[in-house]
Amino acid sequence: MIHVRAEPRDIAPFVLLPGDPGRAERISQYLEEPRLYTRHRGLLGYTGTYRGVRISVQTTGMGAPSAAIVAEELIRLGARWLLRVGTCGAVQDLPLGSLLIAQGAVPLEGTSQRYLGGAPYAPLPDFELTEQLVKSARQLGYPHRVGLIASDDAFYMPQEELLAWGARGVLAFEMEASALFVVARLRGVRAGALLTVSNHIGDPELAPEEILQRGIEAMIEVALASASALQGV
């Protein structure tokens, strides 16, 4: 592949997709015998096992264009489940460090529009994957919400515009999920998004490091538990 420098044998059917290469490295530490199969362009990719189930972790980079490229290439390499694991900025009053499971993603980014030719569309995650994320979060006892998010190209948007989307039911903003959902639907694979609340819109400060890290560790545990539960489905 042009960007994900790997062979089909390198990629597990279930792939976790963090934007941050550092987070990919952290997730790999949860796996047994993780093997780094690519570091091209800083898009670190690992495959290992968790509870006896083979799982991959592939960095997407920031933004919908990069995430869509990685998703397309992973699908061509044999991936069948794609789960975004990242952070988000909450528009509504969600606790810092808590988990947010996307029920849908408003496509405010341009990549989805290119795929769809500007046609109206509602990018939704796979129901079975979303249901399993909820089940795993409950079983592990981690606070979480399920609801609508928005994916945008511009990180530094005017606060009043972001708050307007909050009044329409959007819980939080991030940059990749809607494009991932579109690509997955068009290519016949399953996708979802599990996010950690890193900050509140309008507040320039991230959550305190210890709170954010606890939330990220909870996200990783829920993601891996869900991946292992869904294998073979």
Protein backbone atom coordinates (compact mmCIF):
# COMPACT_ATOMS: atom_id res chain seq x y z
CA MET A 1 0.00 0.00 0.00
CA ILE A 2 1.11 3.57 -0.66
CA HIS A 3 0.73 4.89 2.89
CA VAL A 4 0.10 1.86 5.14
CA ARG A 5 3.23 -0.06 4.24
CA ALA A 6 1.99 -3.55 5.05
CA GLU A 7 0.95 -6.88 3.56
CA PRO A 8 -2.41 -8.59 4.07
CA ARG A 9 -0.80 -11.05 6.48
CA ASP A 10 0.19 -8.13 8.73
CA ILE A 11 -3.34 -6.88 9.39
CA ALA A 12 -5.89 -8.43 11.76
CA PRO A 13 -9.61 -8.31 10.90
CA PHE A 14 -10.21 -5.88 13.79
CA VAL A 15 -8.18 -2.66 13.78
CA LEU A 16 -8.10 0.09 16.41
CA LEU A 17 -7.50 3.53 14.88
CA PRO A 18 -5.91 6.18 17.09
CA GLY A 19 -4.88 9.45 15.47
CA ASP A 20 -1.79 9.81 17.65
CA PRO A 21 1.21 7.50 17.03
CA GLY A 22 2.05 7.74 20.72
CA ARG A 23 -1.37 6.33 21.54
CA ALA A 24 -0.85 3.51 19.04
CA GLU A 25 2.35 2.67 20.85
CA ARG A 26 0.53 2.73 24.20
CA ILE A 27 -2.23 0.42 22.94
CA SER A 28 0.38 -1.99 21.60
CA GLN A 29 1.63 -2.44 25.16
CA TYR A 30 -1.68 -4.09 26.03
CA LEU A 31 -1.13 -6.72 23.34
CA GLU A 32 0.80 -9.96 23.63
CA GLU A 33 3.80 -10.13 21.31
CA PRO A 34 3.02 -6.89 19.45
CA ARG A 35 4.87 -6.54 16.17
CA LEU A 36 5.52 -3.20 14.50
CA TYR A 37 4.63 -3.73 10.84
CA THR A 38 4.98 -0.12 9.66
CA ARG A 39 6.33 3.24 10.73
CA HIS A 40 6.05 4.92 7.31
CA ARG A 41 5.16 8.64 7.60
CA GLY A 42 4.88 8.19 11.35
CA LEU A 43 1.73 6.08 10.89
CA LEU A 44 2.77 3.42 13.37
CA GLY A 45 1.03 0.06 12.97
CA TYR A 46 1.18 -2.93 15.30
CA THR A 47 -0.42 -6.37 15.38
CA GLY A 48 -0.56 -8.65 18.39
CA THR A 49 -3.05 -10.68 20.39
CA TYR A 50 -5.40 -9.81 23.24
CA ARG A 51 -7.04 -12.64 25.19
CA GLY A 52 -5.99 -14.94 22.39
CA VAL A 53 -7.55 -12.78 19.66
CA ARG A 54 -5.46 -11.15 16.93
CA ILE A 55 -5.88 -7.34 16.85
CA SER A 56 -4.14 -4.53 14.94
CA VAL A 57 -3.56 -0.92 15.93
CA GLN A 58 -2.99 1.59 13.13
CA THR A 59 -2.30 5.32 13.44
CA THR A 60 -4.44 7.50 11.17
CA GLY A 61 -2.92 10.92 11.75
CA MET A 62 -5.12 13.99 12.21
CA GLY A 63 -8.15 14.83 10.10
CA ALA A 64 -10.62 13.15 7.78
CA PRO A 65 -8.43 12.99 4.64
CA SER A 66 -5.69 11.06 6.41
CA ALA A 67 -8.18 8.81 8.25
CA ALA A 68 -9.98 7.98 4.98
CA ILE A 69 -6.72 7.08 3.24
CA VAL A 70 -5.71 4.76 6.08
CA ALA A 71 -9.19 3.18 6.21
CA GLU A 72 -9.24 2.53 2.46
CA GLU A 73 -5.83 0.87 2.53
CA LEU A 74 -6.61 -1.22 5.63
CA ILE A 75 -9.78 -2.51 3.97
CA ARG A 76 -7.77 -3.51 0.90
CA LEU A 77 -5.39 -5.32 3.25
CA GLY A 78 -8.25 -7.33 4.79
CA ALA A 79 -9.53 -5.28 7.76
CA ARG A 80 -13.24 -5.80 8.45
CA TRP A 81 -13.78 -3.91 11.72
CA LEU A 82 -12.49 -0.34 12.14
CA LEU A 83 -12.76 1.38 15.52
CA ARG A 84 -11.62 4.95 16.01
CA VAL A 85 -10.17 5.50 19.49
CA GLY A 86 -9.39 9.15 20.12
CA THR A 87 -10.21 12.30 22.05
CA CYS A 88 -12.94 14.90 21.60
CA GLY A 89 -13.91 18.36 22.78
CA ALA A 90 -17.29 18.37 24.51
CA VAL A 91 -19.88 20.97 23.57
CA GLN A 92 -22.22 19.84 26.31
CA ASP A 93 -21.47 19.18 29.97
CA LEU A 94 -19.68 15.84 29.80
CA PRO A 95 -17.19 14.98 32.55
CA LEU A 96 -13.55 15.33 31.56
CA GLY A 97 -12.00 11.92 31.03
CA SER A 98 -15.35 10.21 30.49
CA LEU A 99 -16.12 8.05 27.47
CA LEU A 100 -18.34 8.97 24.54
CA ILE A 101 -19.63 6.33 22.12
CA ALA A 102 -20.69 7.82 18.79
CA GLN A 103 -24.23 7.09 17.66
CA GLY A 104 -23.73 9.18 14.52
CA ALA A 105 -21.39 11.88 13.22
CA VAL A 106 -22.37 15.15 11.53
CA PRO A 107 -20.06 15.41 8.48
CA LEU A 108 -18.71 18.95 8.69
CA GLU A 109 -15.51 17.85 6.95
CA GLY A 110 -14.85 17.93 3.24
CA THR A 111 -13.74 14.32 2.71
CA SER A 112 -17.22 12.86 3.13
CA GLN A 113 -18.58 15.47 0.73
CA ARG A 114 -16.09 14.35 -1.91
CA TYR A 115 -17.13 10.71 -1.49
CA LEU A 116 -20.82 11.58 -1.62
CA GLY A 117 -20.73 14.25 -4.32
CA GLY A 118 -22.38 16.68 -1.91
CA ALA A 119 -25.46 14.49 -1.44
CA PRO A 120 -27.19 14.59 1.98
CA TYR A 121 -26.11 11.64 4.09
CA ALA A 122 -26.14 10.51 7.73
CA PRO A 123 -22.84 8.78 8.61
CA LEU A 124 -23.67 6.12 11.19
CA PRO A 125 -21.48 3.55 12.92
CA ASP A 126 -22.18 -0.17 12.84
CA PHE A 127 -24.92 -1.01 15.34
CA GLU A 128 -23.43 -4.27 16.55
CA LEU A 129 -20.07 -2.66 17.24
CA THR A 130 -21.71 0.29 18.99
CA GLU A 131 -23.85 -2.06 21.08
CA GLN A 132 -20.76 -4.02 22.12
CA LEU A 133 -18.92 -0.84 23.12
CA VAL A 134 -21.82 0.09 25.40
CA LYS A 135 -21.89 -3.42 26.86
CA SER A 136 -18.14 -3.45 27.50
CA ALA A 137 -18.19 0.02 29.12
CA ARG A 138 -20.99 -1.11 31.42
CA GLN A 139 -19.27 -4.37 32.31
CA LEU A 140 -16.02 -2.56 33.12
CA GLY A 141 -17.85 0.14 35.08
CA TYR A 142 -16.60 3.16 33.14
CA PRO A 143 -18.80 6.29 32.89
CA HIS A 144 -19.93 6.84 29.32
CA ARG A 145 -22.48 8.54 27.09
CA VAL A 146 -23.90 7.48 23.76
CA GLY A 147 -24.89 10.16 21.29
CA LEU A 148 -24.30 12.42 18.33
CA ILE A 149 -20.89 13.90 17.56
CA ALA A 150 -19.64 16.16 14.77
CA SER A 151 -16.47 15.79 12.69
CA ASP A 152 -14.87 19.00 11.44
CA ASP A 153 -11.81 19.96 9.40
CA ALA A 154 -11.07 23.13 11.38
CA PHE A 155 -9.88 22.61 14.94
CA TYR A 156 -10.09 26.29 15.89
CA MET A 157 -13.68 27.14 14.99
CA PRO A 158 -15.61 30.15 16.34
CA GLN A 159 -17.13 29.18 19.68
CA GLU A 160 -20.58 30.44 18.75
CA GLU A 161 -20.75 28.07 15.77
CA LEU A 162 -19.74 25.11 17.89
CA LEU A 163 -22.30 25.98 20.54
CA ALA A 164 -24.98 26.22 17.85
CA TRP A 165 -24.31 22.59 17.01
CA GLY A 166 -24.55 21.79 20.69
CA ALA A 167 -28.07 23.24 20.67
CA ARG A 168 -28.85 20.76 17.86
CA GLY A 169 -27.89 17.80 20.02
CA VAL A 170 -24.21 17.40 19.19
CA LEU A 171 -22.32 16.27 22.28
CA ALA A 172 -18.74 16.77 21.11
CA PHE A 173 -16.42 17.56 18.21
CA GLU A 174 -13.56 15.57 16.70
CA MET A 175 -12.05 15.30 13.20
CA GLU A 176 -12.21 11.79 11.73
CA ALA A 177 -15.28 9.70 12.61
CA SER A 178 -17.76 10.80 9.94
CA ALA A 179 -15.35 10.08 7.08
CA LEU A 180 -14.52 6.70 8.64
CA PHE A 181 -18.22 5.84 8.83
CA VAL A 182 -18.76 6.85 5.18
CA VAL A 183 -15.82 4.82 3.89
CA ALA A 184 -16.88 1.78 5.92
CA ARG A 185 -20.45 1.89 4.60
CA LEU A 186 -19.34 2.31 1.01
CA ARG A 187 -16.82 -0.54 1.27
CA GLY A 188 -19.04 -2.97 3.18
CA VAL A 189 -17.11 -3.14 6.46
CA ARG A 190 -18.02 -2.16 10.03
CA ALA A 191 -16.85 0.96 11.84
CA GLY A 192 -17.38 2.72 15.15
CA ALA A 193 -15.94 5.46 17.33
CA LEU A 194 -15.06 5.46 21.01
CA LEU A 195 -13.77 8.77 22.37
CA THR A 196 -12.37 10.23 25.57
CA VAL A 197 -13.48 13.75 26.54
CA SER A 198 -10.25 15.76 26.64
CA ASN A 199 -11.62 19.30 27.02
CA HIS A 200 -14.71 21.49 26.93
CA ILE A 201 -15.37 23.77 23.98
CA GLY A 202 -14.50 27.32 24.96
CA ASP A 203 -11.90 26.21 27.49
CA PRO A 204 -8.39 26.27 25.98
CA GLU A 205 -7.05 23.91 28.62
CA LEU A 206 -7.05 20.14 28.32
CA ALA A 207 -8.17 17.96 31.19
CA PRO A 208 -5.53 17.55 33.90
CA GLU A 209 -3.03 14.95 32.71
CA GLU A 210 -3.94 12.32 35.31
CA ILE A 211 -7.67 12.60 34.47
CA LEU A 212 -7.04 12.47 30.74
CA GLN A 213 -4.75 9.46 31.02
CA ARG A 214 -7.24 7.56 33.17
CA GLY A 215 -9.87 8.24 30.52
CA ILE A 216 -7.59 7.07 27.72
CA GLU A 217 -6.72 3.88 29.59
CA ALA A 218 -10.43 3.22 30.13
CA MET A 219 -11.04 3.80 26.41
CA ILE A 220 -8.31 1.32 25.48
CA GLU A 221 -9.70 -1.33 27.83
CA VAL A 222 -13.24 -0.93 26.48
CA ALA A 223 -11.99 -1.03 22.88
CA LEU A 224 -9.94 -4.18 23.39
CA ALA A 225 -12.71 -5.93 25.33
CA SER A 226 -15.12 -5.14 22.50
CA ALA A 227 -12.69 -6.29 19.82
CA SER A 228 -12.13 -9.62 21.53
CA ALA A 229 -15.88 -10.13 22.08
CA LEU A 230 -16.76 -9.49 18.45
CA GLN A 231 -14.20 -11.71 16.78
CA GLY A 232 -15.86 -14.36 14.68
CA VAL A 233 -19.17 -12.45 14.47
